[in-house]
Each structure stands twice: as structure tokens, then as C-alpha cells.
Amino acid sequence: WQSVASVTVSASGATDAGGSAIAGYEHRTSTDGGSTWGAVASGSSAAITAEGETLVQFRAVDNAGNTGAWEPSSATGASTVRID
């Protein structure tokens, strides 16, 4: 838990070997432990400002518009923001 105004979570490391190359990332957030997810947003980083626990997932988008799987598939310390 952190007593801060916001925390930024970033994605990196996606590859598209033999494909059309990575165009960017999308992210989504959940404030109810992953039961429901907010709207998908473009970008390789997400600024979290809500108090409480927020889960963040990212997926890669290639130049052909194909999307990868949401990662991480389950909550980890690196994908969970806790603001007090």
C-alpha cells in the first residue's frame, strides 16, 4: 500500500516474430478483483489514481490490428496498484 496521488504501470517486451511487428499496447483496469473490467484504452502505460486496489492488464496490438492475450492472466504484485 502506498500513500500517493497516483501510480503509473507500464508495459514492455512484446514481440511479433514473423508477424507485422508491434504497433502498441492497450490496457484495462479492474477495481473489483478482476470480476469486471473498465473500458479498453490505448497506450503502454496506465496512471492509476483511485484509492483502493486496482488490477491492471496489458495486451499488445500488431500493425495488422491483431491483439495478444491480456497479461498477466492473474494478478501479480507488478500488476496490482494499492493506493491508500
PDB file of N, CA and C in Angstrom:
ATOM      1  N   TRP A   1       0.847  -1.182   0.000  1.00  0.00           N
ATOM      2  CA  TRP A   1       0.000   0.000   0.000  1.00  0.00           C
ATOM      3  C   TRP A   1       0.883   1.231   0.000  1.00  0.00           C
ATOM      4  N   GLN A   2       0.461   2.231  -0.779  1.00  0.00           N
ATOM      5  CA  GLN A   2       1.221   3.467  -0.882  1.00  0.00           C
ATOM      6  C   GLN A   2       0.309   4.657  -0.611  1.00  0.00           C
ATOM      7  N   SER A   3       0.832   5.646   0.052  1.00  0.00           N
ATOM      8  CA  SER A   3       0.095   6.881   0.289  1.00  0.00           C
ATOM      9  C   SER A   3       0.582   7.913  -0.724  1.00  0.00           C
ATOM     10  N   VAL A   4       0.084   7.796  -1.956  1.00  0.00           N
ATOM     11  CA  VAL A   4       0.482   8.664  -3.066  1.00  0.00           C
ATOM     12  C   VAL A   4      -0.756   9.076  -3.851  1.00  0.00           C
ATOM     13  N   ALA A   5      -0.612  10.086  -4.699  1.00  0.00           N
ATOM     14  CA  ALA A   5      -1.729  10.548  -5.526  1.00  0.00           C
ATOM     15  C   ALA A   5      -1.961   9.637  -6.725  1.00  0.00           C
ATOM     16  N   SER A   6      -0.886   9.059  -7.268  1.00  0.00           N
ATOM     17  CA  SER A   6      -1.047   8.182  -8.425  1.00  0.00           C
ATOM     18  C   SER A   6       0.161   7.258  -8.559  1.00  0.00           C
ATOM     19  N   VAL A   7      -0.056   6.170  -9.299  1.00  0.00           N
ATOM     20  CA  VAL A   7       0.990   5.203  -9.625  1.00  0.00           C
ATOM     21  C   VAL A   7       0.850   4.898 -11.111  1.00  0.00           C
ATOM     22  N   THR A   8       1.960   4.904 -11.826  1.00  0.00           N
ATOM     23  CA  THR A   8       1.940   4.582 -13.251  1.00  0.00           C
ATOM     24  C   THR A   8       2.503   3.181 -13.462  1.00  0.00           C
ATOM     25  N   VAL A   9       1.752   2.351 -14.186  1.00  0.00           N
ATOM     26  CA  VAL A   9       2.156   0.996 -14.528  1.00  0.00           C
ATOM     27  C   VAL A   9       2.410   0.972 -16.035  1.00  0.00           C
ATOM     28  N   SER A  10       3.522   0.363 -16.454  1.00  0.00           N
ATOM     29  CA  SER A  10       3.895   0.360 -17.869  1.00  0.00           C
ATOM     30  C   SER A  10       4.078  -1.054 -18.403  1.00  0.00           C
ATOM     31  N   ALA A  11       3.865  -1.205 -19.720  1.00  0.00           N
ATOM     32  CA  ALA A  11       4.060  -2.471 -20.413  1.00  0.00           C
ATOM     33  C   ALA A  11       5.266  -2.370 -21.324  1.00  0.00           C
ATOM     34  N   SER A  12       5.918  -3.509 -21.540  1.00  0.00           N
ATOM     35  CA  SER A  12       7.024  -3.569 -22.486  1.00  0.00           C
ATOM     36  C   SER A  12       7.334  -5.024 -22.782  1.00  0.00           C
ATOM     37  N   GLY A  13       8.145  -5.242 -23.795  1.00  0.00           N
ATOM     38  CA  GLY A  13       8.672  -6.564 -24.044  1.00  0.00           C
ATOM     39  C   GLY A  13       7.906  -7.435 -25.009  1.00  0.00           C
ATOM     40  N   ALA A  14       6.804  -6.957 -25.590  1.00  0.00           N
ATOM     41  CA  ALA A  14       6.060  -7.788 -26.532  1.00  0.00           C
ATOM     42  C   ALA A  14       6.843  -7.950 -27.830  1.00  0.00           C
ATOM     43  N   THR A  15       6.673  -9.101 -28.459  1.00  0.00           N
ATOM     44  CA  THR A  15       7.304  -9.356 -29.762  1.00  0.00           C
ATOM     45  C   THR A  15       6.255  -9.916 -30.719  1.00  0.00           C
ATOM     46  N   ASP A  16       6.544  -9.848 -31.982  1.00  0.00           N
ATOM     47  CA  ASP A  16       5.655 -10.392 -33.010  1.00  0.00           C
ATOM     48  C   ASP A  16       6.525 -11.044 -34.079  1.00  0.00           C
ATOM     49  N   ALA A  17       7.267 -12.062 -33.671  1.00  0.00           N
ATOM     50  CA  ALA A  17       8.213 -12.736 -34.571  1.00  0.00           C
ATOM     51  C   ALA A  17       7.491 -13.269 -35.810  1.00  0.00           C
ATOM     52  N   GLY A  18       7.979 -12.868 -36.962  1.00  0.00           N
ATOM     53  CA  GLY A  18       7.394 -13.333 -38.206  1.00  0.00           C
ATOM     54  C   GLY A  18       6.076 -12.689 -38.560  1.00  0.00           C
ATOM     55  N   GLY A  19       5.648 -11.750 -37.764  1.00  0.00           N
ATOM     56  CA  GLY A  19       4.363 -11.084 -37.987  1.00  0.00           C
ATOM     57  C   GLY A  19       4.547  -9.707 -38.577  1.00  0.00           C
ATOM     58  N   SER A  20       3.609  -8.833 -38.281  1.00  0.00           N
ATOM     59  CA  SER A  20       3.637  -7.490 -38.846  1.00  0.00           C
ATOM     60  C   SER A  20       4.248  -6.455 -37.906  1.00  0.00           C
ATOM     61  N   ALA A  21       4.849  -6.881 -36.832  1.00  0.00           N
ATOM     62  CA  ALA A  21       5.513  -6.033 -35.825  1.00  0.00           C
ATOM     63  C   ALA A  21       4.498  -5.400 -34.872  1.00  0.00           C
ATOM     64  N   ILE A  22       4.960  -5.077 -33.698  1.00  0.00           N
ATOM     65  CA  ILE A  22       4.107  -4.491 -32.665  1.00  0.00           C
ATOM     66  C   ILE A  22       3.833  -3.022 -32.980  1.00  0.00           C
ATOM     67  N   ALA A  23       2.557  -2.649 -32.945  1.00  0.00           N
ATOM     68  CA  ALA A  23       2.159  -1.257 -33.171  1.00  0.00           C
ATOM     69  C   ALA A  23       2.022  -0.506 -31.845  1.00  0.00           C
ATOM     70  N   GLY A  24       1.664  -1.223 -30.785  1.00  0.00           N
ATOM     71  CA  GLY A  24       1.481  -0.574 -29.492  1.00  0.00           C
ATOM     72  C   GLY A  24       0.809  -1.504 -28.502  1.00  0.00           C
ATOM     73  N   TYR A  25       0.242  -0.910 -27.464  1.00  0.00           N
ATOM     74  CA  TYR A  25      -0.385  -1.660 -26.387  1.00  0.00           C
ATOM     75  C   TYR A  25      -1.763  -1.097 -26.072  1.00  0.00           C
ATOM     76  N   GLU A  26      -2.584  -1.924 -25.433  1.00  0.00           N
ATOM     77  CA  GLU A  26      -3.848  -1.495 -24.849  1.00  0.00           C
ATOM     78  C   GLU A  26      -3.824  -1.941 -23.387  1.00  0.00           C
ATOM     79  N   HIS A  27      -4.584  -1.239 -22.550  1.00  0.00           N
ATOM     80  CA  HIS A  27      -4.670  -1.646 -21.149  1.00  0.00           C
ATOM     81  C   HIS A  27      -6.099  -1.517 -20.651  1.00  0.00           C
ATOM     82  N   ARG A  28      -6.365  -2.200 -19.556  1.00  0.00           N
ATOM     83  CA  ARG A  28      -7.663  -2.115 -18.884  1.00  0.00           C
ATOM     84  C   ARG A  28      -7.430  -2.267 -17.390  1.00  0.00           C
ATOM     85  N   THR A  29      -8.386  -1.815 -16.597  1.00  0.00           N
ATOM     86  CA  THR A  29      -8.257  -1.875 -15.144  1.00  0.00           C
ATOM     87  C   THR A  29      -9.508  -2.475 -14.508  1.00  0.00           C
ATOM     88  N   SER A  30      -9.325  -3.017 -13.319  1.00  0.00           N
ATOM     89  CA  SER A  30     -10.422  -3.571 -12.539  1.00  0.00           C
ATOM     90  C   SER A  30     -10.255  -3.148 -11.090  1.00  0.00           C
ATOM     91  N   THR A  31     -11.343  -2.717 -10.480  1.00  0.00           N
ATOM     92  CA  THR A  31     -11.312  -2.344  -9.058  1.00  0.00           C
ATOM     93  C   THR A  31     -12.078  -3.337  -8.189  1.00  0.00           C
ATOM     94  N   ASP A  32     -12.490  -4.458  -8.798  1.00  0.00           N
ATOM     95  CA  ASP A  32     -13.222  -5.469  -8.029  1.00  0.00           C
ATOM     96  C   ASP A  32     -12.575  -6.850  -8.126  1.00  0.00           C
ATOM     97  N   GLY A  33     -11.254  -6.861  -8.149  1.00  0.00           N
ATOM     98  CA  GLY A  33     -10.523  -8.123  -8.158  1.00  0.00           C
ATOM     99  C   GLY A  33     -10.551  -8.876  -9.476  1.00  0.00           C
ATOM    100  N   GLY A  34     -10.928  -8.197 -10.570  1.00  0.00           N
ATOM    101  CA  GLY A  34     -10.952  -8.834 -11.870  1.00  0.00           C
ATOM    102  C   GLY A  34     -12.299  -9.408 -12.261  1.00  0.00           C
ATOM    103  N   SER A  35     -13.330  -9.184 -11.449  1.00  0.00           N
ATOM    104  CA  SER A  35     -14.670  -9.660 -11.815  1.00  0.00           C
ATOM    105  C   SER A  35     -15.208  -8.902 -13.023  1.00  0.00           C
ATOM    106  N   THR A  36     -14.964  -7.597 -13.050  1.00  0.00           N
ATOM    107  CA  THR A  36     -15.345  -6.771 -14.190  1.00  0.00           C
ATOM    108  C   THR A  36     -14.166  -5.872 -14.548  1.00  0.00           C
ATOM    109  N   TRP A  37     -14.133  -5.420 -15.802  1.00  0.00           N
ATOM    110  CA  TRP A  37     -13.036  -4.593 -16.294  1.00  0.00           C
ATOM    111  C   TRP A  37     -13.576  -3.329 -16.913  1.00  0.00           C
ATOM    112  N   GLY A  38     -12.821  -2.240 -16.763  1.00  0.00           N
ATOM    113  CA  GLY A  38     -13.178  -0.970 -17.366  1.00  0.00           C
ATOM    114  C   GLY A  38     -12.931  -0.990 -18.864  1.00  0.00           C
ATOM    115  N   ALA A  39     -13.208   0.132 -19.486  1.00  0.00           N
ATOM    116  CA  ALA A  39     -13.029   0.276 -20.928  1.00  0.00           C
ATOM    117  C   ALA A  39     -11.562   0.094 -21.318  1.00  0.00           C
ATOM    118  N   VAL A  40     -11.346  -0.476 -22.474  1.00  0.00           N
ATOM    119  CA  VAL A  40     -10.001  -0.656 -23.002  1.00  0.00           C
ATOM    120  C   VAL A  40      -9.474   0.689 -23.485  1.00  0.00           C
ATOM    121  N   ALA A  41      -8.226   1.005 -23.127  1.00  0.00           N
ATOM    122  CA  ALA A  41      -7.592   2.258 -23.537  1.00  0.00           C
ATOM    123  C   ALA A  41      -6.275   1.963 -24.241  1.00  0.00           C
ATOM    124  N   SER A  42      -5.912   2.805 -25.188  1.00  0.00           N
ATOM    125  CA  SER A  42      -4.635   2.658 -25.883  1.00  0.00           C
ATOM    126  C   SER A  42      -3.511   3.212 -25.030  1.00  0.00           C
ATOM    127  N   GLY A  43      -2.325   2.649 -25.198  1.00  0.00           N
ATOM    128  CA  GLY A  43      -1.151   3.178 -24.518  1.00  0.00           C
ATOM    129  C   GLY A  43      -0.380   2.124 -23.770  1.00  0.00           C
ATOM    130  N   SER A  44       0.907   2.376 -23.621  1.00  0.00           N
ATOM    131  CA  SER A  44       1.778   1.429 -22.931  1.00  0.00           C
ATOM    132  C   SER A  44       1.915   1.729 -21.447  1.00  0.00           C
ATOM    133  N   SER A  45       1.169   2.719 -20.954  1.00  0.00           N
ATOM    134  CA  SER A  45       1.188   2.993 -19.519  1.00  0.00           C
ATOM    135  C   SER A  45      -0.201   3.398 -19.055  1.00  0.00           C
ATOM    136  N   ALA A  46      -0.466   3.128 -17.788  1.00  0.00           N
ATOM    137  CA  ALA A  46      -1.738   3.463 -17.163  1.00  0.00           C
ATOM    138  C   ALA A  46      -1.455   4.193 -15.860  1.00  0.00           C
ATOM    139  N   ALA A  47      -1.993   5.391 -15.711  1.00  0.00           N
ATOM    140  CA  ALA A  47      -1.859   6.159 -14.471  1.00  0.00           C
ATOM    141  C   ALA A  47      -3.062   5.849 -13.586  1.00  0.00           C
ATOM    142  N   ILE A  48      -2.817   5.240 -12.462  1.00  0.00           N
ATOM    143  CA  ILE A  48      -3.878   4.848 -11.537  1.00  0.00           C
ATOM    144  C   ILE A  48      -3.961   5.885 -10.424  1.00  0.00           C
ATOM    145  N   THR A  49      -5.159   6.431 -10.213  1.00  0.00           N
ATOM    146  CA  THR A  49      -5.343   7.470  -9.198  1.00  0.00           C
ATOM    147  C   THR A  49      -6.396   7.093  -8.148  1.00  0.00           C
ATOM    148  N   ALA A  50      -7.149   6.031  -8.391  1.00  0.00           N
ATOM    149  CA  ALA A  50      -8.215   5.645  -7.469  1.00  0.00           C
ATOM    150  C   ALA A  50      -7.640   5.025  -6.203  1.00  0.00           C
ATOM    151  N   GLU A  51      -8.209   5.414  -5.055  1.00  0.00           N
ATOM    152  CA  GLU A  51      -7.813   4.775  -3.806  1.00  0.00           C
ATOM    153  C   GLU A  51      -8.341   3.351  -3.791  1.00  0.00           C
ATOM    154  N   GLY A  52      -7.633   2.494  -3.090  1.00  0.00           N
ATOM    155  CA  GLY A  52      -8.017   1.096  -3.017  1.00  0.00           C
ATOM    156  C   GLY A  52      -7.112   0.260  -3.891  1.00  0.00           C
ATOM    157  N   GLU A  53      -7.581  -0.927  -4.250  1.00  0.00           N
ATOM    158  CA  GLU A  53      -6.781  -1.863  -5.039  1.00  0.00           C
ATOM    159  C   GLU A  53      -7.272  -1.873  -6.483  1.00  0.00           C
ATOM    160  N   THR A  54      -6.359  -1.669  -7.420  1.00  0.00           N
ATOM    161  CA  THR A  54      -6.675  -1.677  -8.847  1.00  0.00           C
ATOM    162  C   THR A  54      -5.771  -2.667  -9.555  1.00  0.00           C
ATOM    163  N   LEU A  55      -6.373  -3.583 -10.304  1.00  0.00           N
ATOM    164  CA  LEU A  55      -5.612  -4.523 -11.134  1.00  0.00           C
ATOM    165  C   LEU A  55      -5.457  -3.911 -12.524  1.00  0.00           C
ATOM    166  N   VAL A  56      -4.306  -4.124 -13.144  1.00  0.00           N
ATOM    167  CA  VAL A  56      -4.027  -3.587 -14.475  1.00  0.00           C
ATOM    168  C   VAL A  56      -3.569  -4.732 -15.377  1.00  0.00           C
ATOM    169  N   GLN A  57      -4.132  -4.797 -16.586  1.00  0.00           N
ATOM    170  CA  GLN A  57      -3.692  -5.763 -17.588  1.00  0.00           C
ATOM    171  C   GLN A  57      -3.362  -5.020 -18.886  1.00  0.00           C
ATOM    172  N   PHE A  58      -2.395  -5.567 -19.625  1.00  0.00           N
ATOM    173  CA  PHE A  58      -1.998  -5.018 -20.919  1.00  0.00           C
ATOM    174  C   PHE A  58      -2.077  -6.112 -21.971  1.00  0.00           C
ATOM    175  N   ARG A  59      -2.214  -5.693 -23.221  1.00  0.00           N
ATOM    176  CA  ARG A  59      -2.063  -6.608 -24.348  1.00  0.00           C
ATOM    177  C   ARG A  59      -1.415  -5.849 -25.496  1.00  0.00           C
ATOM    178  N   ALA A  60      -0.673  -6.581 -26.306  1.00  0.00           N
ATOM    179  CA  ALA A  60      -0.008  -5.984 -27.459  1.00  0.00           C
ATOM    180  C   ALA A  60      -0.950  -5.990 -28.653  1.00  0.00           C
ATOM    181  N   VAL A  61      -0.770  -4.981 -29.517  1.00  0.00           N
ATOM    182  CA  VAL A  61      -1.521  -4.873 -30.765  1.00  0.00           C
ATOM    183  C   VAL A  61      -0.487  -4.777 -31.884  1.00  0.00           C
ATOM    184  N   ASP A  62      -0.630  -5.616 -32.916  1.00  0.00           N
ATOM    185  CA  ASP A  62       0.341  -5.542 -34.010  1.00  0.00           C
ATOM    186  C   ASP A  62      -0.161  -4.621 -35.122  1.00  0.00           C
ATOM    187  N   ASN A  63       0.668  -4.394 -36.104  1.00  0.00           N
ATOM    188  CA  ASN A  63       0.333  -3.477 -37.197  1.00  0.00           C
ATOM    189  C   ASN A  63      -0.835  -3.957 -38.055  1.00  0.00           C
ATOM    190  N   ALA A  64      -1.200  -5.229 -37.962  1.00  0.00           N
ATOM    191  CA  ALA A  64      -2.352  -5.750 -38.690  1.00  0.00           C
ATOM    192  C   ALA A  64      -3.638  -5.626 -37.870  1.00  0.00           C
ATOM    193  N   GLY A  65      -3.522  -5.124 -36.615  1.00  0.00           N
ATOM    194  CA  GLY A  65      -4.689  -4.972 -35.754  1.00  0.00           C
ATOM    195  C   GLY A  65      -4.995  -6.171 -34.882  1.00  0.00           C
ATOM    196  N   ASN A  66      -4.162  -7.196 -34.948  1.00  0.00           N
ATOM    197  CA  ASN A  66      -4.352  -8.380 -34.100  1.00  0.00           C
ATOM    198  C   ASN A  66      -3.934  -8.052 -32.667  1.00  0.00           C
ATOM    199  N   THR A  67      -4.658  -8.606 -31.705  1.00  0.00           N
ATOM    200  CA  THR A  67      -4.324  -8.365 -30.303  1.00  0.00           C
ATOM    201  C   THR A  67      -3.844  -9.651 -29.642  1.00  0.00           C
ATOM    202  N   GLY A  68      -2.946  -9.498 -28.695  1.00  0.00           N
ATOM    203  CA  GLY A  68      -2.477 -10.627 -27.901  1.00  0.00           C
ATOM    204  C   GLY A  68      -3.413 -10.862 -26.735  1.00  0.00           C
ATOM    205  N   ALA A  69      -3.073 -11.824 -25.917  1.00  0.00           N
ATOM    206  CA  ALA A  69      -3.852 -12.131 -24.718  1.00  0.00           C
ATOM    207  C   ALA A  69      -3.596 -11.058 -23.654  1.00  0.00           C
ATOM    208  N   TRP A  70      -4.589 -10.840 -22.796  1.00  0.00           N
ATOM    209  CA  TRP A  70      -4.405  -9.925 -21.678  1.00  0.00           C
ATOM    210  C   TRP A  70      -3.391 -10.535 -20.722  1.00  0.00           C
ATOM    211  N   GLU A  71      -2.416  -9.718 -20.312  1.00  0.00           N
ATOM    212  CA  GLU A  71      -1.373 -10.174 -19.397  1.00  0.00           C
ATOM    213  C   GLU A  71      -1.223  -9.205 -18.246  1.00  0.00           C
ATOM    214  N   PRO A  72      -0.873  -9.628 -17.068  1.00  0.00           N
ATOM    215  CA  PRO A  72      -0.806 -11.021 -16.673  1.00  0.00           C
ATOM    216  C   PRO A  72      -2.209 -11.609 -16.578  1.00  0.00           C
ATOM    217  N   SER A  73      -2.310 -12.900 -16.773  1.00  0.00           N
ATOM    218  CA  SER A  73      -3.619 -13.554 -16.760  1.00  0.00           C
ATOM    219  C   SER A  73      -4.217 -13.594 -15.357  1.00  0.00           C
ATOM    220  N   SER A  74      -3.380 -13.510 -14.338  1.00  0.00           N
ATOM    221  CA  SER A  74      -3.854 -13.402 -12.957  1.00  0.00           C
ATOM    222  C   SER A  74      -3.046 -12.311 -12.257  1.00  0.00           C
ATOM    223  N   ALA A  75      -3.591 -11.783 -11.201  1.00  0.00           N
ATOM    224  CA  ALA A  75      -2.978 -10.649 -10.505  1.00  0.00           C
ATOM    225  C   ALA A  75      -1.590 -11.003  -9.964  1.00  0.00           C
ATOM    226  N   THR A  76      -0.676 -10.062 -10.122  1.00  0.00           N
ATOM    227  CA  THR A  76       0.673 -10.192  -9.565  1.00  0.00           C
ATOM    228  C   THR A  76       0.983  -8.902  -8.815  1.00  0.00           C
ATOM    229  N   GLY A  77       2.065  -8.900  -8.083  1.00  0.00           N
ATOM    230  CA  GLY A  77       2.487  -7.696  -7.393  1.00  0.00           C
ATOM    231  C   GLY A  77       2.771  -6.557  -8.349  1.00  0.00           C
ATOM    232  N   ALA A  78       3.296  -6.875  -9.529  1.00  0.00           N
ATOM    233  CA  ALA A  78       3.637  -5.851 -10.509  1.00  0.00           C
ATOM    234  C   ALA A  78       2.414  -5.301 -11.236  1.00  0.00           C
ATOM    235  N   SER A  79       1.285  -6.008 -11.167  1.00  0.00           N
ATOM    236  CA  SER A  79       0.096  -5.558 -11.884  1.00  0.00           C
ATOM    237  C   SER A  79      -1.021  -5.097 -10.945  1.00  0.00           C
ATOM    238  N   THR A  80      -0.720  -5.018  -9.668  1.00  0.00           N
ATOM    239  CA  THR A  80      -1.707  -4.597  -8.676  1.00  0.00           C
ATOM    240  C   THR A  80      -1.243  -3.302  -8.020  1.00  0.00           C
ATOM    241  N   VAL A  81      -2.079  -2.280  -8.121  1.00  0.00           N
ATOM    242  CA  VAL A  81      -1.765  -0.982  -7.516  1.00  0.00           C
ATOM    243  C   VAL A  81      -2.634  -0.832  -6.276  1.00  0.00           C
ATOM    244  N   ARG A  82      -2.000  -0.463  -5.169  1.00  0.00           N
ATOM    245  CA  ARG A  82      -2.738  -0.258  -3.913  1.00  0.00           C
ATOM    246  C   ARG A  82      -2.423   1.146  -3.409  1.00  0.00           C
ATOM    247  N   ILE A  83      -3.437   2.009  -3.478  1.00  0.00           N
ATOM    248  CA  ILE A  83      -3.283   3.391  -3.032  1.00  0.00           C
ATOM    249  C   ILE A  83      -4.157   3.614  -1.806  1.00  0.00           C
ATOM    250  N   ASP A  84      -3.543   4.169  -0.767  1.00  0.00           N
ATOM    251  CA  ASP A  84      -4.243   4.426   0.492  1.00  0.00           C
ATOM    252  C   ASP A  84      -4.429   5.921   0.649  1.00  0.00           C
TER     253      ASP A  84
END
